[in-house]
Structure formats: C-alpha cells, structure tokens
C-alpha cells in the first residue's frame, strides 16, 4: 500500500528557476566551523592561562574532635 502526499492544483514547474547555491553554503559552513573551532580553542587556552601559577584549591578537612 502506497501512501503519497499528492496535492492537486500545484504546478510542479513553479520552482523551475530555483537553484541551490552550493558555493555560498560551503563558504558559510566553513566560516561557521572556523569560528566554532577558534572559540573553543580560545576558551581552552584562556582557562589554562588564567589558572597558570595558581595552586589548585585543596579540600578543607574538618576535624571531628
């Protein structure tokens, strides 16, 4: 049994002049990926630089005397 979604009254040639601009999509995707990589690298390196030279906090032990 085939279930199809056929709508009558729509001309299939309506979007005949439409074309996908793959070059712009590719460039936009590369720019987006580059920004994400740069920001993640900046966050990782920035956190290491900020904590450089600072000792790690030691846990406080409570005495039960």
PDB file of N, CA and C in Angstrom:
ATOM      1  N   UNK A   1       0.841  -1.171   0.000  1.00  0.00           N
ATOM      2  CA  UNK A   1       0.000   0.000   0.000  1.00  0.00           C
ATOM      3  C   UNK A   1       0.891   1.240   0.000  1.00  0.00           C
ATOM      4  N   UNK A   2       0.669   2.082  -0.913  1.00  0.00           N
ATOM      5  CA  UNK A   2       1.480   3.281  -1.068  1.00  0.00           C
ATOM      6  C   UNK A   2       0.717   4.485  -0.552  1.00  0.00           C
ATOM      7  N   UNK A   3       1.353   5.208   0.345  1.00  0.00           N
ATOM      8  CA  UNK A   3       0.742   6.424   0.871  1.00  0.00           C
ATOM      9  C   UNK A   3       1.523   7.592   0.293  1.00  0.00           C
ATOM     10  N   UNK A   4       0.885   8.359  -0.511  1.00  0.00           N
ATOM     11  CA  UNK A   4       1.541   9.502  -1.127  1.00  0.00           C
ATOM     12  C   UNK A   4       0.845  10.788  -0.741  1.00  0.00           C
ATOM     13  N   UNK A   5       1.580  11.831  -0.773  1.00  0.00           N
ATOM     14  CA  UNK A   5       1.023  13.137  -0.446  1.00  0.00           C
ATOM     15  C   UNK A   5       0.972  13.937  -1.746  1.00  0.00           C
ATOM     16  N   UNK A   6      -0.121  13.790  -2.441  1.00  0.00           N
ATOM     17  CA  UNK A   6      -0.288  14.467  -3.718  1.00  0.00           C
ATOM     18  C   UNK A   6      -1.297  15.588  -3.526  1.00  0.00           C
ATOM     19  N   UNK A   7      -0.867  16.786  -3.795  1.00  0.00           N
ATOM     20  CA  UNK A   7      -1.740  17.945  -3.656  1.00  0.00           C
ATOM     21  C   UNK A   7      -2.083  18.417  -5.059  1.00  0.00           C
ATOM     22  N   UNK A   8      -3.348  18.461  -5.331  1.00  0.00           N
ATOM     23  CA  UNK A   8      -3.756  18.906  -6.659  1.00  0.00           C
ATOM     24  C   UNK A   8      -3.753  20.426  -6.723  1.00  0.00           C
ATOM     25  N   UNK A   9      -3.490  20.932  -7.861  1.00  0.00           N
ATOM     26  CA  UNK A   9      -3.521  22.376  -8.060  1.00  0.00           C
ATOM     27  C   UNK A   9      -2.161  23.039  -7.928  1.00  0.00           C
ATOM     28  N   UNK A  10      -1.102  22.292  -7.641  1.00  0.00           N
ATOM     29  CA  UNK A  10       0.231  22.875  -7.527  1.00  0.00           C
ATOM     30  C   UNK A  10       1.010  22.538  -8.791  1.00  0.00           C
ATOM     31  N   UNK A  11       1.524  23.552  -9.408  1.00  0.00           N
ATOM     32  CA  UNK A  11       2.294  23.373 -10.635  1.00  0.00           C
ATOM     33  C   UNK A  11       3.710  22.906 -10.285  1.00  0.00           C
ATOM     34  N   UNK A  12       4.134  21.729 -10.741  1.00  0.00           N
ATOM     35  CA  UNK A  12       5.482  21.255 -10.409  1.00  0.00           C
ATOM     36  C   UNK A  12       6.583  22.095 -11.044  1.00  0.00           C
ATOM     37  N   UNK A  13       6.259  22.868 -12.040  1.00  0.00           N
ATOM     38  CA  UNK A  13       7.247  23.725 -12.693  1.00  0.00           C
ATOM     39  C   UNK A  13       7.328  25.101 -12.039  1.00  0.00           C
ATOM     40  N   UNK A  14       6.659  25.278 -10.899  1.00  0.00           N
ATOM     41  CA  UNK A  14       6.631  26.574 -10.224  1.00  0.00           C
ATOM     42  C   UNK A  14       8.031  27.000  -9.779  1.00  0.00           C
ATOM     43  N   UNK A  15       8.822  26.049  -9.279  1.00  0.00           N
ATOM     44  CA  UNK A  15      10.168  26.356  -8.806  1.00  0.00           C
ATOM     45  C   UNK A  15      11.237  25.951  -9.814  1.00  0.00           C
ATOM     46  N   UNK A  16      10.916  25.974 -11.076  1.00  0.00           N
ATOM     47  CA  UNK A  16      11.867  25.532 -12.094  1.00  0.00           C
ATOM     48  C   UNK A  16      13.083  26.445 -12.167  1.00  0.00           C
ATOM     49  N   UNK A  17      12.928  27.728 -11.840  1.00  0.00           N
ATOM     50  CA  UNK A  17      14.056  28.646 -11.923  1.00  0.00           C
ATOM     51  C   UNK A  17      14.869  28.691 -10.629  1.00  0.00           C
ATOM     52  N   UNK A  18      14.469  27.925  -9.621  1.00  0.00           N
ATOM     53  CA  UNK A  18      15.193  27.895  -8.351  1.00  0.00           C
ATOM     54  C   UNK A  18      16.401  26.974  -8.468  1.00  0.00           C
ATOM     55  N   UNK A  19      17.535  27.419  -7.919  1.00  0.00           N
ATOM     56  CA  UNK A  19      18.725  26.569  -7.889  1.00  0.00           C
ATOM     57  C   UNK A  19      19.421  26.764  -6.544  1.00  0.00           C
ATOM     58  N   UNK A  20      20.100  25.733  -6.103  1.00  0.00           N
ATOM     59  CA  UNK A  20      20.829  25.786  -4.846  1.00  0.00           C
ATOM     60  C   UNK A  20      22.196  26.404  -5.076  1.00  0.00           C
ATOM     61  N   UNK A  21      22.559  27.336  -4.227  1.00  0.00           N
ATOM     62  CA  UNK A  21      23.858  27.994  -4.308  1.00  0.00           C
ATOM     63  C   UNK A  21      24.815  27.267  -3.361  1.00  0.00           C
ATOM     64  N   UNK A  22      25.392  26.175  -3.841  1.00  0.00           N
ATOM     65  CA  UNK A  22      26.238  25.338  -3.001  1.00  0.00           C
ATOM     66  C   UNK A  22      27.539  26.029  -2.608  1.00  0.00           C
ATOM     67  N   UNK A  23      28.038  26.910  -3.437  1.00  0.00           N
ATOM     68  CA  UNK A  23      29.289  27.598  -3.124  1.00  0.00           C
ATOM     69  C   UNK A  23      29.120  28.493  -1.898  1.00  0.00           C
ATOM     70  N   UNK A  24      28.046  29.266  -1.850  1.00  0.00           N
ATOM     71  CA  UNK A  24      27.792  30.122  -0.695  1.00  0.00           C
ATOM     72  C   UNK A  24      27.528  29.289   0.548  1.00  0.00           C
ATOM     73  N   UNK A  25      26.802  28.198   0.401  1.00  0.00           N
ATOM     74  CA  UNK A  25      26.532  27.312   1.526  1.00  0.00           C
ATOM     75  C   UNK A  25      27.830  26.708   2.058  1.00  0.00           C
ATOM     76  N   UNK A  26      28.721  26.316   1.172  1.00  0.00           N
ATOM     77  CA  UNK A  26      30.003  25.737   1.575  1.00  0.00           C
ATOM     78  C   UNK A  26      30.860  26.772   2.293  1.00  0.00           C
ATOM     79  N   UNK A  27      30.933  27.980   1.747  1.00  0.00           N
ATOM     80  CA  UNK A  27      31.741  29.032   2.371  1.00  0.00           C
ATOM     81  C   UNK A  27      31.165  29.397   3.734  1.00  0.00           C
ATOM     82  N   UNK A  28      29.858  29.517   3.821  1.00  0.00           N
ATOM     83  CA  UNK A  28      29.228  29.822   5.107  1.00  0.00           C
ATOM     84  C   UNK A  28      29.471  28.735   6.133  1.00  0.00           C
ATOM     85  N   UNK A  29      29.411  27.488   5.713  1.00  0.00           N
ATOM     86  CA  UNK A  29      29.673  26.379   6.627  1.00  0.00           C
ATOM     87  C   UNK A  29      31.109  26.358   7.107  1.00  0.00           C
ATOM     88  N   UNK A  30      32.042  26.650   6.212  1.00  0.00           N
ATOM     89  CA  UNK A  30      33.449  26.696   6.607  1.00  0.00           C
ATOM     90  C   UNK A  30      33.727  27.845   7.568  1.00  0.00           C
ATOM     91  N   UNK A  31      33.108  28.982   7.324  1.00  0.00           N
ATOM     92  CA  UNK A  31      33.281  30.119   8.231  1.00  0.00           C
ATOM     93  C   UNK A  31      32.704  29.786   9.602  1.00  0.00           C
ATOM     94  N   UNK A  32      31.519  29.193   9.635  1.00  0.00           N
ATOM     95  CA  UNK A  32      30.890  28.814  10.901  1.00  0.00           C
ATOM     96  C   UNK A  32      31.761  27.806  11.653  1.00  0.00           C
ATOM     97  N   UNK A  33      32.270  26.802  10.956  1.00  0.00           N
ATOM     98  CA  UNK A  33      33.124  25.800  11.594  1.00  0.00           C
ATOM     99  C   UNK A  33      34.413  26.434  12.112  1.00  0.00           C
ATOM    100  N   UNK A  34      34.984  27.345  11.343  1.00  0.00           N
ATOM    101  CA  UNK A  34      36.199  28.022  11.788  1.00  0.00           C
ATOM    102  C   UNK A  34      35.975  28.855  13.032  1.00  0.00           C
ATOM    103  N   UNK A  35      34.854  29.550  13.097  1.00  0.00           N
ATOM    104  CA  UNK A  35      34.539  30.356  14.279  1.00  0.00           C
ATOM    105  C   UNK A  35      34.350  29.461  15.496  1.00  0.00           C
ATOM    106  N   UNK A  36      33.658  28.338  15.333  1.00  0.00           N
ATOM    107  CA  UNK A  36      33.442  27.415  16.452  1.00  0.00           C
ATOM    108  C   UNK A  36      34.773  26.845  16.940  1.00  0.00           C
ATOM    109  N   UNK A  37      35.648  26.447  16.020  1.00  0.00           N
ATOM    110  CA  UNK A  37      36.955  25.910  16.409  1.00  0.00           C
ATOM    111  C   UNK A  37      37.784  26.986  17.106  1.00  0.00           C
ATOM    112  N   UNK A  38      37.781  28.197  16.579  1.00  0.00           N
ATOM    113  CA  UNK A  38      38.544  29.287  17.186  1.00  0.00           C
ATOM    114  C   UNK A  38      38.044  29.594  18.590  1.00  0.00           C
ATOM    115  N   UNK A  39      36.731  29.672  18.769  1.00  0.00           N
ATOM    116  CA  UNK A  39      36.188  29.974  20.092  1.00  0.00           C
ATOM    117  C   UNK A  39      36.476  28.861  21.092  1.00  0.00           C
ATOM    118  N   UNK A  40      36.368  27.617  20.668  1.00  0.00           N
ATOM    119  CA  UNK A  40      36.658  26.522  21.593  1.00  0.00           C
ATOM    120  C   UNK A  40      38.142  26.512  21.965  1.00  0.00           C
ATOM    121  N   UNK A  41      39.018  26.757  21.003  1.00  0.00           N
ATOM    122  CA  UNK A  41      40.451  26.838  21.287  1.00  0.00           C
ATOM    123  C   UNK A  41      40.743  28.005  22.226  1.00  0.00           C
ATOM    124  N   UNK A  42      40.116  29.140  21.989  1.00  0.00           N
ATOM    125  CA  UNK A  42      40.307  30.322  22.822  1.00  0.00           C
ATOM    126  C   UNK A  42      39.846  30.064  24.252  1.00  0.00           C
ATOM    127  N   UNK A  43      38.715  29.383  24.418  1.00  0.00           N
ATOM    128  CA  UNK A  43      38.227  29.074  25.760  1.00  0.00           C
ATOM    129  C   UNK A  43      39.151  28.104  26.485  1.00  0.00           C
ATOM    130  N   UNK A  44      39.629  27.090  25.793  1.00  0.00           N
ATOM    131  CA  UNK A  44      40.521  26.123  26.435  1.00  0.00           C
ATOM    132  C   UNK A  44      41.850  26.756  26.829  1.00  0.00           C
ATOM    133  N   UNK A  45      42.449  27.507  25.934  1.00  0.00           N
ATOM    134  CA  UNK A  45      43.741  28.128  26.219  1.00  0.00           C
ATOM    135  C   UNK A  45      43.579  29.244  27.244  1.00  0.00           C
ATOM    136  N   UNK A  46      42.518  30.007  27.151  1.00  0.00           N
ATOM    137  CA  UNK A  46      42.290  31.094  28.096  1.00  0.00           C
ATOM    138  C   UNK A  46      42.128  30.598  29.514  1.00  0.00           C
ATOM    139  N   UNK A  47      41.477  29.467  29.688  1.00  0.00           N
ATOM    140  CA  UNK A  47      41.300  28.915  31.026  1.00  0.00           C
ATOM    141  C   UNK A  47      42.638  28.444  31.584  1.00  0.00           C
ATOM    142  N   UNK A  48      43.494  27.877  30.752  1.00  0.00           N
ATOM    143  CA  UNK A  48      44.805  27.425  31.224  1.00  0.00           C
ATOM    144  C   UNK A  48      45.691  28.614  31.572  1.00  0.00           C
ATOM    145  N   UNK A  49      45.625  29.680  30.803  1.00  0.00           N
ATOM    146  CA  UNK A  49      46.441  30.861  31.077  1.00  0.00           C
ATOM    147  C   UNK A  49      45.979  31.529  32.367  1.00  0.00           C
ATOM    148  N   UNK A  50      44.693  31.589  32.575  1.00  0.00           N
ATOM    149  CA  UNK A  50      44.157  32.246  33.761  1.00  0.00           C
ATOM    150  C   UNK A  50      44.550  31.492  35.026  1.00  0.00           C
ATOM    151  N   UNK A  51      44.618  30.157  34.957  1.00  0.00           N
ATOM    152  CA  UNK A  51      44.951  29.356  36.125  1.00  0.00           C
ATOM    153  C   UNK A  51      46.453  29.099  36.240  1.00  0.00           C
ATOM    154  N   UNK A  52      47.246  29.642  35.344  1.00  0.00           N
ATOM    155  CA  UNK A  52      48.687  29.414  35.350  1.00  0.00           C
ATOM    156  C   UNK A  52      49.313  30.055  36.590  1.00  0.00           C
ATOM    157  N   UNK A  53      50.097  29.280  37.336  1.00  0.00           N
ATOM    158  CA  UNK A  53      50.776  29.803  38.512  1.00  0.00           C
ATOM    159  C   UNK A  53      49.948  29.762  39.774  1.00  0.00           C
ATOM    160  N   UNK A  54      48.674  29.506  39.667  1.00  0.00           N
ATOM    161  CA  UNK A  54      47.827  29.432  40.855  1.00  0.00           C
ATOM    162  C   UNK A  54      47.761  27.983  41.316  1.00  0.00           C
ATOM    163  N   UNK A  55      47.952  27.756  42.593  1.00  0.00           N
ATOM    164  CA  UNK A  55      47.823  26.382  43.074  1.00  0.00           C
ATOM    165  C   UNK A  55      46.365  25.938  43.048  1.00  0.00           C
ATOM    166  N   UNK A  56      46.182  24.654  42.853  1.00  0.00           N
ATOM    167  CA  UNK A  56      44.825  24.125  42.862  1.00  0.00           C
ATOM    168  C   UNK A  56      44.282  24.198  44.283  1.00  0.00           C
ATOM    169  N   UNK A  57      43.024  24.533  44.430  1.00  0.00           N
ATOM    170  CA  UNK A  57      42.462  24.607  45.786  1.00  0.00           C
ATOM    171  C   UNK A  57      42.450  23.230  46.441  1.00  0.00           C
ATOM    172  N   UNK A  58      42.916  23.198  47.691  1.00  0.00           N
ATOM    173  CA  UNK A  58      42.942  21.942  48.424  1.00  0.00           C
ATOM    174  C   UNK A  58      41.632  21.785  49.184  1.00  0.00           C
ATOM    175  N   UNK A  59      41.133  20.571  49.258  1.00  0.00           N
ATOM    176  CA  UNK A  59      39.893  20.366  50.018  1.00  0.00           C
ATOM    177  C   UNK A  59      40.128  20.603  51.505  1.00  0.00           C
ATOM    178  N   UNK A  60      39.166  21.222  52.145  1.00  0.00           N
ATOM    179  CA  UNK A  60      39.251  21.518  53.572  1.00  0.00           C
ATOM    180  C   UNK A  60      38.738  20.311  54.342  1.00  0.00           C
ATOM    181  N   UNK A  61      39.596  19.784  55.208  1.00  0.00           N
ATOM    182  CA  UNK A  61      39.215  18.636  56.018  1.00  0.00           C
ATOM    183  C   UNK A  61      38.755  19.129  57.383  1.00  0.00           C
ATOM    184  N   UNK A  62      37.616  18.659  57.810  1.00  0.00           N
ATOM    185  CA  UNK A  62      37.088  19.056  59.114  1.00  0.00           C
ATOM    186  C   UNK A  62      37.487  18.018  60.154  1.00  0.00           C
ATOM    187  N   UNK A  63      37.934  18.498  61.306  1.00  0.00           N
ATOM    188  CA  UNK A  63      38.294  17.596  62.407  1.00  0.00           C
ATOM    189  C   UNK A  63      37.072  17.368  63.277  1.00  0.00           C
ATOM    190  N   UNK A  64      36.848  16.122  63.630  1.00  0.00           N
ATOM    191  CA  UNK A  64      35.709  15.779  64.488  1.00  0.00           C
ATOM    192  C   UNK A  64      36.187  15.510  65.913  1.00  0.00           C
ATOM    193  N   UNK A  65      36.937  16.424  66.524  1.00  0.00           N
ATOM    194  CA  UNK A  65      37.451  16.238  67.891  1.00  0.00           C
ATOM    195  C   UNK A  65      36.397  16.412  68.922  1.00  0.00           C
TER     196      UNK A  65
END
